[in-house]
Amino acid sequence: MTKMKLVETVRLSSKEGFFYVSLMPVAGEEKPKTVFKSNKESAARNVARQFAKQYKCMVAFEESTTMEEEDPGPQEAL
C-alpha cells in the first residue's frame, strides 16, 4: 500500500444521505482516497476542513443531484 504524498484538493460529497470526505491526489495515476463517511453534514465539513489545513489545500463541496433538481419547471424559475 502506498501513501499519498501530495493532496491537491479535499472533496466533500453527498450521496444517498451520507457525506464523504475524499483526498484528491495531485498525481493523475493515483485514485482518490475516501477517508471519512458520516450521516451528519456538520461532522463531515469539520473533518474536511481539518484535512485541508493539514495538507494546505482547498476544500471542494460537491452535491449529488438528480436531473429534476437541476432543471426547475417554468413556475419555479420565476
N, C-alpha and C. Protein backbone atom coordinates (compact mmCIF):
# COMPACT_ATOMS: atom_id res chain seq x y z
N MET A 1 0.84 -1.18 0.00
CA MET A 1 0.00 0.00 0.00
C MET A 1 0.88 1.24 0.00
N THR A 2 0.62 2.15 -0.94
CA THR A 2 1.38 3.39 -0.99
C THR A 2 0.56 4.52 -0.39
N LYS A 3 1.25 5.41 0.28
CA LYS A 3 0.57 6.55 0.87
C LYS A 3 0.60 7.71 -0.10
N MET A 4 -0.44 8.54 -0.03
CA MET A 4 -0.47 9.75 -0.84
C MET A 4 0.48 10.76 -0.23
N LYS A 5 1.32 11.33 -1.05
CA LYS A 5 2.25 12.32 -0.53
C LYS A 5 1.77 13.73 -0.80
N LEU A 6 1.16 13.97 -1.96
CA LEU A 6 0.67 15.29 -2.32
C LEU A 6 -0.83 15.23 -2.55
N VAL A 7 -1.55 16.10 -1.85
CA VAL A 7 -3.00 16.16 -2.00
C VAL A 7 -3.34 17.52 -2.60
N GLU A 8 -4.09 17.50 -3.70
CA GLU A 8 -4.44 18.73 -4.39
C GLU A 8 -5.70 19.36 -3.78
N THR A 9 -6.70 18.53 -3.50
CA THR A 9 -7.99 19.01 -3.02
C THR A 9 -8.58 18.01 -2.05
N VAL A 10 -9.30 18.52 -1.05
CA VAL A 10 -10.11 17.68 -0.18
C VAL A 10 -11.54 17.83 -0.68
N ARG A 11 -12.17 16.72 -1.06
CA ARG A 11 -13.51 16.77 -1.64
C ARG A 11 -14.54 16.31 -0.62
N LEU A 12 -15.59 17.09 -0.45
CA LEU A 12 -16.73 16.73 0.40
C LEU A 12 -17.92 16.51 -0.51
N SER A 13 -18.42 15.29 -0.55
CA SER A 13 -19.54 14.98 -1.44
C SER A 13 -20.64 14.30 -0.66
N SER A 14 -21.87 14.43 -1.17
CA SER A 14 -23.01 13.78 -0.53
C SER A 14 -23.67 12.84 -1.52
N LYS A 15 -24.11 11.70 -0.99
CA LYS A 15 -24.77 10.72 -1.84
C LYS A 15 -25.64 9.84 -0.95
N GLU A 16 -26.92 9.77 -1.28
CA GLU A 16 -27.87 8.89 -0.60
C GLU A 16 -27.87 9.09 0.91
N GLY A 17 -27.83 10.33 1.35
CA GLY A 17 -27.93 10.62 2.78
C GLY A 17 -26.64 10.52 3.56
N PHE A 18 -25.53 10.20 2.91
CA PHE A 18 -24.24 10.13 3.57
C PHE A 18 -23.31 11.19 2.99
N PHE A 19 -22.36 11.62 3.80
CA PHE A 19 -21.38 12.62 3.39
C PHE A 19 -20.00 11.97 3.43
N TYR A 20 -19.24 12.13 2.35
CA TYR A 20 -17.94 11.50 2.20
C TYR A 20 -16.85 12.56 2.08
N VAL A 21 -15.74 12.36 2.76
CA VAL A 21 -14.57 13.21 2.62
C VAL A 21 -13.50 12.39 1.91
N SER A 22 -13.03 12.91 0.76
CA SER A 22 -12.04 12.20 -0.05
C SER A 22 -10.84 13.09 -0.29
N LEU A 23 -9.67 12.47 -0.36
CA LEU A 23 -8.44 13.18 -0.69
C LEU A 23 -8.17 12.98 -2.17
N MET A 24 -8.03 14.08 -2.91
CA MET A 24 -7.80 14.03 -4.34
C MET A 24 -6.31 14.24 -4.59
N PRO A 25 -5.61 13.24 -5.12
CA PRO A 25 -4.16 13.34 -5.30
C PRO A 25 -3.77 14.25 -6.47
N VAL A 26 -2.55 14.75 -6.41
CA VAL A 26 -2.02 15.57 -7.50
C VAL A 26 -1.68 14.68 -8.69
N ALA A 27 -1.07 13.55 -8.42
CA ALA A 27 -0.68 12.62 -9.49
C ALA A 27 -1.92 11.99 -10.10
N GLY A 28 -2.02 12.03 -11.42
CA GLY A 28 -3.19 11.50 -12.12
C GLY A 28 -3.34 10.00 -12.02
N GLU A 29 -2.25 9.28 -11.80
CA GLU A 29 -2.35 7.82 -11.77
C GLU A 29 -2.86 7.29 -10.44
N GLU A 30 -2.86 8.12 -9.40
CA GLU A 30 -3.39 7.68 -8.11
C GLU A 30 -4.89 7.87 -8.06
N LYS A 31 -5.58 7.02 -7.29
CA LYS A 31 -7.02 7.13 -7.14
C LYS A 31 -7.33 8.01 -5.93
N PRO A 32 -8.50 8.69 -5.95
CA PRO A 32 -8.92 9.42 -4.75
C PRO A 32 -9.15 8.45 -3.60
N LYS A 33 -8.86 8.89 -2.40
CA LYS A 33 -8.99 8.03 -1.24
C LYS A 33 -10.04 8.60 -0.30
N THR A 34 -11.12 7.84 -0.04
CA THR A 34 -12.15 8.27 0.90
C THR A 34 -11.65 7.99 2.31
N VAL A 35 -11.63 9.04 3.13
CA VAL A 35 -11.06 8.92 4.47
C VAL A 35 -12.10 9.07 5.58
N PHE A 36 -13.34 9.49 5.22
CA PHE A 36 -14.35 9.70 6.25
C PHE A 36 -15.73 9.58 5.64
N LYS A 37 -16.67 8.98 6.39
CA LYS A 37 -18.06 8.84 5.96
C LYS A 37 -18.94 9.12 7.17
N SER A 38 -19.98 9.95 6.98
CA SER A 38 -20.87 10.29 8.08
C SER A 38 -22.26 10.59 7.53
N ASN A 39 -23.25 10.46 8.40
CA ASN A 39 -24.60 10.86 8.00
C ASN A 39 -24.92 12.27 8.46
N LYS A 40 -23.93 12.95 9.08
CA LYS A 40 -24.10 14.33 9.54
C LYS A 40 -23.19 15.24 8.73
N GLU A 41 -23.80 16.24 8.10
CA GLU A 41 -23.03 17.15 7.24
C GLU A 41 -22.03 17.97 8.05
N SER A 42 -22.42 18.43 9.23
CA SER A 42 -21.52 19.28 10.01
C SER A 42 -20.25 18.53 10.41
N ALA A 43 -20.37 17.27 10.77
CA ALA A 43 -19.18 16.47 11.13
C ALA A 43 -18.28 16.29 9.91
N ALA A 44 -18.86 16.01 8.76
CA ALA A 44 -18.07 15.82 7.55
C ALA A 44 -17.37 17.12 7.13
N ARG A 45 -18.06 18.26 7.26
CA ARG A 45 -17.45 19.55 6.93
C ARG A 45 -16.26 19.84 7.85
N ASN A 46 -16.41 19.56 9.13
CA ASN A 46 -15.32 19.79 10.07
C ASN A 46 -14.10 18.92 9.75
N VAL A 47 -14.34 17.65 9.42
CA VAL A 47 -13.24 16.76 9.07
C VAL A 47 -12.57 17.23 7.78
N ALA A 48 -13.36 17.66 6.80
CA ALA A 48 -12.80 18.15 5.54
C ALA A 48 -11.93 19.38 5.78
N ARG A 49 -12.39 20.29 6.63
CA ARG A 49 -11.60 21.48 6.94
C ARG A 49 -10.28 21.12 7.61
N GLN A 50 -10.31 20.15 8.52
CA GLN A 50 -9.08 19.74 9.20
C GLN A 50 -8.08 19.13 8.22
N PHE A 51 -8.56 18.29 7.30
CA PHE A 51 -7.66 17.72 6.30
C PHE A 51 -7.10 18.82 5.39
N ALA A 52 -7.93 19.81 5.04
CA ALA A 52 -7.47 20.91 4.19
C ALA A 52 -6.38 21.71 4.90
N LYS A 53 -6.52 21.91 6.18
CA LYS A 53 -5.47 22.61 6.95
C LYS A 53 -4.20 21.78 7.00
N GLN A 54 -4.36 20.48 7.22
CA GLN A 54 -3.22 19.58 7.33
C GLN A 54 -2.41 19.54 6.03
N TYR A 55 -3.12 19.41 4.90
CA TYR A 55 -2.45 19.29 3.61
C TYR A 55 -2.27 20.63 2.90
N LYS A 56 -2.73 21.72 3.52
CA LYS A 56 -2.61 23.07 2.96
C LYS A 56 -3.19 23.12 1.54
N CYS A 57 -4.45 22.75 1.44
CA CYS A 57 -5.12 22.76 0.15
C CYS A 57 -6.56 23.25 0.33
N MET A 58 -7.31 23.25 -0.74
CA MET A 58 -8.68 23.75 -0.72
C MET A 58 -9.67 22.61 -0.52
N VAL A 59 -10.90 22.99 -0.09
CA VAL A 59 -12.00 22.03 0.05
C VAL A 59 -12.96 22.26 -1.09
N ALA A 60 -13.35 21.20 -1.76
CA ALA A 60 -14.35 21.26 -2.84
C ALA A 60 -15.62 20.60 -2.33
N PHE A 61 -16.72 21.35 -2.32
CA PHE A 61 -18.00 20.83 -1.87
C PHE A 61 -18.80 20.41 -3.09
N GLU A 62 -19.20 19.15 -3.10
CA GLU A 62 -19.99 18.62 -4.22
C GLU A 62 -21.26 17.98 -3.68
N GLU A 63 -22.36 18.22 -4.37
CA GLU A 63 -23.62 17.59 -4.00
C GLU A 63 -24.10 16.77 -5.18
N SER A 64 -24.57 15.58 -4.91
CA SER A 64 -25.13 14.78 -5.99
C SER A 64 -26.59 15.16 -6.13
N THR A 65 -26.98 15.52 -7.34
CA THR A 65 -28.36 15.93 -7.60
C THR A 65 -28.91 15.11 -8.75
N THR A 66 -30.21 15.08 -8.85
CA THR A 66 -30.85 14.39 -9.97
C THR A 66 -31.22 15.44 -11.01
N MET A 67 -31.63 15.00 -12.17
CA MET A 67 -31.98 15.92 -13.25
C MET A 67 -33.16 16.81 -12.86
N GLU A 68 -34.13 16.29 -12.09
CA GLU A 68 -35.28 17.09 -11.71
C GLU A 68 -34.87 18.27 -10.83
N GLU A 69 -33.86 18.09 -9.99
CA GLU A 69 -33.41 19.17 -9.12
C GLU A 69 -32.63 20.22 -9.89
N GLU A 70 -31.91 19.83 -10.93
CA GLU A 70 -31.10 20.78 -11.69
C GLU A 70 -31.93 21.61 -12.64
N ASP A 71 -33.02 21.08 -13.17
CA ASP A 71 -33.82 21.77 -14.15
C ASP A 71 -35.18 22.12 -13.56
N PRO A 72 -35.32 23.34 -12.97
CA PRO A 72 -36.62 23.69 -12.37
C PRO A 72 -37.68 23.92 -13.46
N GLY A 73 -38.92 23.71 -13.09
CA GLY A 73 -40.01 23.93 -14.02
C GLY A 73 -40.19 25.41 -14.28
N PRO A 74 -41.07 25.78 -15.24
CA PRO A 74 -41.23 27.19 -15.59
C PRO A 74 -41.77 28.03 -14.43
N GLN A 75 -42.63 27.47 -13.59
CA GLN A 75 -43.17 28.22 -12.46
C GLN A 75 -42.13 28.41 -11.37
N GLU A 76 -41.27 27.43 -11.15
CA GLU A 76 -40.24 27.51 -10.10
C GLU A 76 -39.14 28.48 -10.48
N ALA A 77 -38.87 28.64 -11.78
CA ALA A 77 -37.80 29.52 -12.22
C ALA A 77 -38.13 30.99 -12.01
N LEU A 78 -39.40 31.31 -11.92
CA LEU A 78 -39.79 32.72 -11.72
C LEU A 78 -39.60 33.04 -10.30
